[in-house]
Protein backbone atom coordinates (compact mmCIF):
# COMPACT_ATOMS: atom_id res chain seq x y z
CA MET A 1 -0.16 0.02 -0.18
CA ILE A 2 2.76 2.31 0.96
CA ILE A 3 4.81 1.46 -2.44
CA ALA A 4 2.29 1.94 -4.49
CA ALA A 5 1.18 5.17 -2.23
CA ALA A 6 4.77 6.44 -2.81
CA VAL A 7 5.13 5.34 -7.20
CA LEU A 8 1.36 6.90 -7.38
CA LEU A 9 2.91 9.74 -6.16
CA VAL A 10 6.40 10.03 -8.15
CA LEU A 11 4.43 9.09 -11.38
CA SER A 12 1.79 11.96 -10.99
CA LEU A 13 4.41 14.46 -10.01
CA ALA A 14 6.60 13.75 -12.91
CA MET A 15 3.73 13.92 -15.52
CA LEU A 16 2.80 17.41 -14.15
CA VAL A 17 6.55 18.37 -14.36
CA TYR A 18 6.79 17.13 -17.76
CA VAL A 19 3.46 18.57 -19.11
CA TYR A 20 4.16 21.96 -17.72
CA LEU A 21 8.27 21.97 -17.95
CA GLY A 22 9.77 18.94 -19.65
CA TYR A 23 7.79 19.37 -22.60
CA PRO A 24 8.26 22.59 -23.56
CA LEU A 25 11.89 22.41 -22.75
CA ALA A 26 12.20 19.67 -24.94
CA VAL A 27 10.61 21.64 -27.89
CA MET A 28 13.00 24.60 -27.23
CA LEU A 29 15.91 22.56 -27.63
CA LEU A 30 14.63 20.64 -30.32
CA ALA A 31 13.63 23.87 -32.05
CA ALA A 32 17.25 25.44 -31.55
CA LEU A 33 18.91 22.32 -32.96
CA ARG A 34 16.22 21.64 -35.99
CA ARG A 35 15.45 25.16 -36.92
CA ARG A 36 12.98 24.64 -39.38
CA ARG A 37 12.34 28.21 -41.12
CA VAL A 38 9.36 29.94 -42.27
CA ARG A 39 9.30 31.74 -45.81
CA ALA A 40 7.27 34.51 -45.05
CA GLU A 41 6.85 36.89 -47.45
CA ASP A 42 4.70 40.35 -47.72
CA ARG A 43 3.04 39.36 -50.71
CA PRO A 44 -0.66 40.23 -50.23
CA VAL A 45 -3.16 37.71 -51.93
CA SER A 46 -7.00 37.96 -51.58
CA VAL A 47 -8.09 37.37 -48.32
CA THR A 48 -11.82 36.47 -47.24
CA VAL A 49 -12.35 37.16 -43.51
CA LEU A 50 -15.05 34.34 -41.84
CA THR A 51 -16.94 35.09 -38.66
CA ALA A 52 -20.23 33.22 -36.87
CA ALA A 53 -22.30 35.57 -34.65
CA ARG A 54 -25.25 34.63 -32.61
CA ASN A 55 -26.57 37.47 -30.84
CA GLU A 56 -23.66 39.99 -30.93
CA ALA A 57 -25.20 43.58 -32.05
CA GLY A 58 -23.04 44.69 -29.11
CA CYS A 59 -19.79 44.25 -30.76
CA ILE A 60 -20.07 42.77 -34.57
CA ALA A 61 -19.85 46.67 -36.50
CA GLU A 62 -17.16 47.35 -34.57
CA THR A 63 -15.39 44.13 -35.39
CA VAL A 64 -16.26 44.43 -38.86
CA ARG A 65 -15.19 47.90 -39.43
CA ASN A 66 -11.88 46.88 -38.09
CA LYS A 67 -11.24 44.49 -40.93
CA LEU A 68 -12.37 47.04 -43.22
CA ALA A 69 -9.82 49.10 -41.77
CA ALA A 70 -7.10 46.89 -41.87
CA ASP A 71 -3.48 47.59 -43.75
CA TYR A 72 -4.27 45.29 -46.72
CA PRO A 73 -4.99 46.26 -50.13
CA PRO A 74 -9.03 46.74 -50.47
CA GLU A 75 -9.66 44.80 -53.64
CA LEU A 76 -8.18 42.22 -52.36
CA LEU A 77 -10.55 41.76 -48.66
CA GLU A 78 -14.09 40.35 -48.25
CA VAL A 79 -15.72 40.04 -45.52
CA ILE A 80 -18.38 37.23 -44.63
CA VAL A 81 -20.36 37.00 -41.42
CA VAL A 82 -22.92 34.26 -40.97
CA SER A 83 -25.52 35.21 -38.63
CA ASP A 84 -26.76 32.09 -36.29
CA ALA A 85 -30.34 32.66 -36.00
CA SER A 86 -29.68 35.79 -33.82
CA ASP A 87 -32.01 37.59 -32.54
CA ASP A 88 -30.54 40.56 -30.75
CA GLY A 89 -30.58 43.03 -33.88
CA THR A 90 -27.57 41.87 -35.13
CA ASP A 91 -29.31 40.64 -38.74
CA ALA A 92 -29.81 44.56 -39.09
CA ILE A 93 -26.73 45.62 -38.27
CA LEU A 94 -25.38 43.14 -40.23
CA ALA A 95 -27.31 44.32 -43.52
CA ASP A 96 -26.31 48.10 -43.07
CA LEU A 97 -22.78 46.67 -43.01
CA ALA A 98 -23.34 45.03 -46.31
CA ALA A 99 -25.03 48.18 -47.84
CA ALA A 100 -22.42 50.69 -46.97
CA ASP A 101 -19.72 48.50 -48.17
CA PRO A 102 -19.65 45.67 -51.19
CA ARG A 103 -16.18 44.03 -49.58
CA VAL A 104 -19.15 43.15 -46.99
CA ARG A 105 -21.43 40.11 -47.44
CA TRP A 106 -24.02 38.40 -44.56
CA LEU A 107 -26.22 35.28 -44.52
CA ARG A 108 -28.29 34.15 -41.72
CA GLN A 109 -28.28 30.38 -40.62
CA ASP A 110 -31.69 29.50 -39.21
CA PRO A 111 -32.29 27.34 -37.21
CA ARG A 112 -29.09 27.65 -35.11
CA GLU A 113 -26.71 25.08 -35.69
CA GLY A 114 -23.96 27.05 -34.15
CA LYS A 115 -19.95 28.10 -35.39
CA THR A 116 -18.84 25.37 -37.47
CA ALA A 117 -21.70 24.82 -39.81
CA ALA A 118 -21.65 28.79 -40.03
CA LEU A 119 -17.97 28.50 -40.81
CA ASN A 120 -18.80 25.46 -43.80
CA ARG A 121 -21.46 27.83 -45.26
CA ALA A 122 -19.46 30.86 -45.25
CA SER A 123 -16.25 29.30 -46.66
CA ALA A 124 -18.63 28.21 -49.72
CA LEU A 125 -19.63 31.09 -50.30
CA ALA A 126 -15.57 32.56 -49.83
CA ARG A 127 -13.55 34.24 -52.83
CA GLY A 128 -10.43 34.38 -51.06
CA GLU A 129 -7.02 32.10 -51.64
CA VAL A 130 -6.92 32.62 -48.01
CA LEU A 131 -9.70 32.22 -45.37
CA VAL A 132 -8.96 34.09 -42.09
CA PHE A 133 -10.96 33.10 -39.18
CA SER A 134 -12.29 36.04 -36.72
CA ASP A 135 -14.35 35.60 -33.67
CA ALA A 136 -17.47 38.40 -33.53
CA ASN A 137 -15.53 40.14 -30.77
CA SER A 138 -11.76 40.25 -31.99
CA LEU A 139 -10.00 43.16 -32.73
CA TYR A 140 -6.78 42.93 -34.80
CA ALA A 141 -3.47 45.51 -34.78
CA PRO A 142 -3.87 47.04 -38.03
CA GLU A 143 -1.08 45.08 -39.87
CA ALA A 144 -2.35 41.76 -38.59
CA LEU A 145 -3.67 40.61 -41.98
CA ARG A 146 -0.13 41.02 -43.90
CA ARG A 147 1.22 39.39 -40.90
CA LEU A 148 -1.14 36.32 -41.21
CA VAL A 149 -0.78 35.89 -44.40
CA ALA A 150 2.67 36.46 -44.86
CA PRO A 151 3.88 32.76 -43.79
CA PHE A 152 1.74 31.30 -46.80
CA ALA A 153 4.60 32.57 -49.22
CA ASP A 154 6.07 29.34 -48.29
CA PRO A 155 4.49 26.21 -50.03
CA GLU A 156 4.78 24.10 -46.88
CA VAL A 157 2.78 25.88 -45.06
CA GLY A 158 -1.26 25.57 -44.60
CA TYR A 159 -2.50 27.05 -41.69
CA VAL A 160 -1.47 29.98 -40.03
CA THR A 161 -1.99 31.33 -36.44
CA GLY A 162 -1.24 34.21 -34.82
CA ARG A 163 -0.96 35.68 -31.43
CA MET A 164 -3.71 36.70 -28.93
CA VAL A 165 -3.38 39.69 -26.63
CA TYR A 166 -5.55 39.10 -23.49
CA ARG A 167 -6.39 42.71 -21.91
CA ALA A 168 -7.75 42.08 -18.08
CA PRO A 169 -9.97 44.82 -17.92
CA ASP A 170 -10.28 45.67 -14.40
CA GLY A 171 -7.27 43.74 -12.75
CA SER A 172 -9.11 41.06 -12.39
CA LEU A 173 -7.47 37.27 -11.20
CA SER A 174 -8.89 34.94 -14.24
CA GLY A 175 -8.27 38.08 -16.78
CA GLU A 176 -4.47 38.34 -15.28
CA GLY A 177 -3.72 34.52 -15.38
CA CYS A 178 -5.48 34.25 -18.45
CA SER A 179 -2.68 36.57 -19.53
CA ALA A 180 0.34 34.93 -18.59
CA TYR A 181 -1.46 31.26 -19.78
CA MET A 182 -1.42 32.98 -23.04
CA ARG A 183 2.04 34.11 -23.22
CA TYR A 184 3.07 31.07 -21.78
CA GLU A 185 0.79 29.37 -25.15
CA ASN A 186 2.78 31.92 -27.31
CA ALA A 187 6.40 31.01 -26.34
CA LEU A 188 5.55 27.19 -26.75
CA ARG A 189 4.01 28.35 -29.99
CA ARG A 190 7.44 29.83 -31.48
CA TRP A 191 9.24 26.73 -30.26
CA GLU A 192 6.46 24.20 -31.91
CA THR A 193 7.04 25.97 -35.22
CA GLY A 194 10.92 25.88 -35.13
CA VAL A 195 10.14 21.95 -34.76
CA GLY A 196 7.28 21.81 -37.77
CA SER A 197 4.05 22.56 -36.82
CA VAL A 198 2.38 23.97 -33.77
CA VAL A 199 -0.46 22.07 -31.75
CA GLY A 200 -2.79 24.74 -30.34
CA VAL A 201 -4.15 27.57 -32.19
CA ASP A 202 -6.21 30.89 -31.40
CA GLY A 203 -9.13 30.35 -33.03
CA GLY A 204 -10.05 34.54 -33.42
CA ILE A 205 -6.86 35.15 -35.40
CA ASP A 206 -6.30 32.08 -37.47
CA ALA A 207 -5.80 31.78 -41.47
CA VAL A 208 -5.71 28.54 -44.03
CA ARG A 209 -5.43 28.18 -47.25
CA ARG A 210 -8.78 27.83 -49.21
CA GLU A 211 -7.96 24.09 -50.26
CA CYS A 212 -6.83 23.01 -47.12
CA TYR A 213 -10.32 23.65 -45.72
CA VAL A 214 -12.67 20.67 -45.19
CA SER A 215 -16.07 20.77 -44.58
CA MET A 216 -16.47 19.63 -40.41
CA ARG A 217 -19.64 18.43 -38.70
CA PRO A 218 -21.58 20.34 -36.47
CA ASP A 219 -20.20 19.06 -33.32
CA GLN A 220 -16.72 19.68 -34.38
CA GLN A 221 -14.54 22.47 -32.76
CA PRO A 222 -12.69 24.37 -35.92
CA ASP A 223 -9.56 25.67 -34.13
CA PHE A 224 -8.54 22.40 -33.34
CA VAL A 225 -9.95 19.89 -35.97
CA LEU A 226 -8.96 21.91 -38.92
CA PRO A 227 -5.47 22.49 -38.08
CA LEU A 228 -5.04 18.72 -37.19
CA SER A 229 -6.38 17.95 -40.74
CA VAL A 230 -3.97 20.35 -42.12
CA VAL A 231 -1.14 18.45 -40.64
CA GLU A 232 -2.95 15.58 -41.76
CA GLN A 233 -2.70 16.88 -45.25
CA GLY A 234 0.96 16.88 -45.08
CA PHE A 235 1.30 20.84 -44.22
CA ARG A 236 2.67 22.67 -41.88
CA VAL A 237 0.36 24.53 -39.67
CA VAL A 238 2.81 27.99 -38.10
CA HIS A 239 2.82 30.62 -36.16
CA ALA A 240 2.96 33.97 -36.74
CA PRO A 241 3.39 35.99 -33.36
CA ASP A 242 3.29 38.97 -35.15
CA ALA A 243 -0.08 38.75 -36.00
CA LEU A 244 -2.06 40.48 -33.31
CA LEU A 245 -5.50 39.70 -32.20
CA TYR A 246 -6.76 41.83 -29.19
CA GLU A 247 -9.36 40.69 -26.74
CA ASP A 248 -10.96 41.25 -23.19
CA ALA A 249 -10.27 38.70 -21.14
CA LEU A 250 -13.22 37.43 -19.20
CA ALA A 251 -13.56 38.99 -16.17
CA ASP A 252 -15.87 36.62 -14.20
CA SER A 253 -14.21 33.49 -13.19
CA GLY A 254 -17.58 31.20 -14.03
CA ASP A 255 -17.75 32.58 -17.55
CA GLU A 256 -13.97 31.49 -17.89
CA PHE A 257 -14.41 27.63 -16.34
CA ARG A 258 -17.63 27.25 -18.50
CA MET A 259 -16.01 28.73 -21.75
CA ARG A 260 -12.84 26.48 -20.64
CA VAL A 261 -15.14 23.22 -19.96
CA ARG A 262 -16.87 23.75 -23.42
CA VAL A 263 -13.43 23.87 -25.12
CA THR A 264 -11.45 20.95 -23.75
CA LEU A 265 -15.16 18.66 -24.14
CA ARG A 266 -14.79 19.65 -27.74
CA ALA A 267 -10.92 18.77 -27.90
CA TRP A 268 -11.23 15.46 -26.63
CA HIS A 269 -14.06 14.40 -29.10
CA ALA A 270 -11.28 16.48 -31.60
CA LEU A 271 -8.27 14.14 -30.28
CA ARG A 272 -10.70 10.67 -30.87
CA ASP A 273 -11.86 11.98 -34.38
CA MET A 274 -8.11 12.58 -35.42
CA SER A 275 -6.05 9.62 -33.55
CA ALA A 276 -4.69 8.87 -36.73
CA LEU A 277 -2.41 11.57 -35.86
CA PHE A 278 -1.19 9.71 -32.69
CA ASN A 279 1.05 7.50 -34.93
CA PRO A 280 4.49 8.42 -34.55
CA ALA A 281 5.16 6.14 -37.79
CA ARG A 282 3.22 8.58 -39.93
CA PHE A 283 3.48 11.55 -38.30
CA GLY A 284 7.12 11.66 -36.14
CA LEU A 285 7.71 14.56 -33.79
CA TYR A 286 4.04 15.93 -34.26
CA ALA A 287 2.61 12.54 -32.59
CA TRP A 288 4.40 13.12 -29.73
CA GLN A 289 3.90 16.91 -29.55
CA LEU A 290 -0.27 16.30 -29.81
CA ALA A 291 0.21 13.67 -26.85
CA SER A 292 2.12 16.08 -24.62
CA HIS A 293 0.56 19.18 -25.55
CA LYS A 294 -2.79 18.04 -25.65
CA ALA A 295 -3.96 14.92 -24.60
CA LEU A 296 -1.73 14.98 -21.56
CA ARG A 297 -2.26 18.30 -20.64
CA TYR A 298 -5.97 17.64 -20.42
CA LEU A 299 -5.23 14.75 -18.28
CA ALA A 300 -3.44 17.28 -15.59
CA PRO A 301 -6.51 17.19 -13.47
CA VAL A 302 -6.36 13.49 -12.94
CA PHE A 303 -2.20 13.69 -12.23
CA GLN A 304 -2.91 16.55 -9.44
CA VAL A 305 -6.00 14.22 -7.93
CA ALA A 306 -3.80 11.46 -7.72
CA ALA A 307 -0.71 13.04 -5.98
CA LEU A 308 -3.18 14.41 -3.98
CA VAL A 309 -4.66 11.61 -2.35
CA ALA A 310 -1.33 9.63 -2.74
CA ASN A 311 0.47 12.50 -0.66
CA ALA A 312 -2.21 12.19 2.01
CA LEU A 313 -1.89 8.35 2.77
CA LEU A 314 1.98 9.08 3.02
CA VAL A 315 2.14 11.60 5.71
CA GLY A 316 4.22 10.61 8.68
CA ARG A 317 5.83 8.05 6.81
CA ALA A 318 9.13 9.96 6.14
CA PRO A 319 10.12 13.73 5.85
CA VAL A 320 10.17 14.05 2.11
CA TRP A 321 6.30 12.87 1.76
CA ASP A 322 5.47 15.43 4.62
CA VAL A 323 7.40 18.42 2.63
CA LEU A 324 5.97 17.48 -0.48
CA MET A 325 2.56 17.39 0.96
CA LEU A 326 2.57 20.63 2.96
CA LEU A 327 4.17 22.70 -0.50
CA GLN A 328 0.65 21.26 -2.15
CA GLY A 329 -1.31 22.13 0.90
CA VAL A 330 0.18 25.83 -0.08
CA PHE A 331 -0.30 25.52 -3.71
CA TYR A 332 -4.01 24.90 -2.78
CA ALA A 333 -4.27 27.21 -0.11
CA ALA A 334 -3.11 29.82 -2.76
CA ALA A 335 -5.85 28.83 -5.16
CA LEU A 336 -8.70 28.62 -2.95
CA ALA A 337 -7.36 32.44 -1.56
CA GLY A 338 -8.00 33.65 -5.25
CA LEU A 339 -11.44 31.97 -4.96
CA ALA A 340 -12.38 33.42 -2.03
CA THR A 341 -11.63 37.13 -2.99
CA GLY A 342 -13.55 36.92 -6.34
CA GLY A 343 -10.27 36.87 -8.05
CA ARG A 344 -9.22 40.42 -7.72
CA GLY A 345 -6.60 42.47 -5.97
CA MET A 346 -4.18 39.10 -5.35
CA PRO A 347 -0.43 39.22 -6.02
CA PRO A 348 1.14 36.95 -9.16
CA LEU A 349 1.72 34.04 -6.23
CA VAL A 350 -1.92 33.74 -5.88
CA VAL A 351 -2.86 34.20 -9.53
CA PHE A 352 -0.81 31.34 -11.02
CA PRO A 353 -2.39 28.50 -8.90
CA TYR A 354 -5.65 30.01 -8.86
CA TYR A 355 -5.82 30.22 -12.59
CA LEU A 356 -3.65 26.75 -13.05
CA CYS A 357 -6.54 25.07 -10.68
CA LEU A 358 -9.55 26.96 -12.58
CA LEU A 359 -8.01 25.88 -15.76
CA ASN A 360 -7.45 21.97 -14.86
CA SER A 361 -10.99 22.06 -12.83
CA ALA A 362 -12.28 22.87 -16.18
CA ALA A 363 -10.52 20.16 -17.60
CA GLY A 364 -11.40 17.80 -14.93
CA LEU A 365 -15.36 18.46 -15.61
CA ALA A 366 -14.90 18.29 -19.58
CA LEU A 367 -12.61 14.65 -19.35
CA ILE A 368 -16.23 13.40 -17.24
CA LYS A 369 -18.40 15.10 -19.93
CA PHE A 370 -16.47 13.12 -22.70
CA LEU A 371 -16.47 9.92 -21.25
CA ARG A 372 -20.15 9.97 -20.76
CA GLY A 373 -20.60 10.67 -24.45
CA GLU A 374 -21.69 14.42 -23.96
CA ARG A 375 -21.17 16.84 -26.52
CA GLN A 376 -21.75 20.36 -27.32
CA VAL A 377 -22.76 22.35 -30.57
CA VAL A 378 -24.15 25.46 -30.04
CA TRP A 379 -23.27 28.24 -26.55
CA ASN A 380 -23.88 31.61 -25.73
CA PRO A 381 -21.47 34.54 -26.57
CA ARG A 382 -19.14 35.12 -24.15
CA THR A 383 -19.78 38.13 -21.74
């Protein structure tokens, strides 16, 4: 019993260290040795920006105008927005935008079918050589489209993801934690690009070669399944860190938690659908990347619970177990302090444990839902 608990504790902690530190360090070293370049050129091609909108009357006009004002040749740019059975005036706003600028087209999806079905419809109408995916509340830096399109000059590149910069609107804990998490993810994406292809992308500022787009089921997550399918087709998925998207982080931890549950649940289904990519004989390093960056990351809550339970069984057996239990206790006490304060005004030593526990609690619930066979196709906009 004691030996089993010790083995479980050591293995669980080792997996957590590997997921958050070991894998990033390994990719960083491989990128330095491998140095796969991306041949990016400022050579504009025709672009269609696709957006799915569900009751986005409060932000859709600003988002569309943001794309139309981009530092990009106007004759090469069009915007298509799909209103997913909106009932808040979004359709009227889109009609006015389309009447004012011929580069804007919109259509209504009714009954409501969700984002993926909307993107499938819009992609069939798109004229651009490159399809860009923007969320309804995504605001791009003026040069973002140029930076996003430039890597397509490399014939090996089939998908490009930009860099999301989260703004914490009120100093909230989830906002600050989210910003730190995205800085960590963006660093990892730069290194993964140096190895070959990135595993995770930002759904609000992505682009794909038109010929690489594949129609997806409504329950599939487009910003996960589509880049995986691009890798399956033999193209690279790369990071363009200078293509900037600005978005407010969710100030409410409950909203952040629900969003993370939804994203992770759909990601589990995507990993099952695209399980062929886990075959190293066919996909080499990418199979290892996918397992490490996504599958094991989503299993982190299992490792956390296992480490805590195993450590509790070992308390009093040896000083090393007592020290580890103390460290775990301090970590979770900091996370609980963040929860108790509502996520405001806390120092970084509380921010990181809190946000990590928020992410992994959401991942744990998503895993339970996945094992139950639950799916989520539609959802309400971020608030």
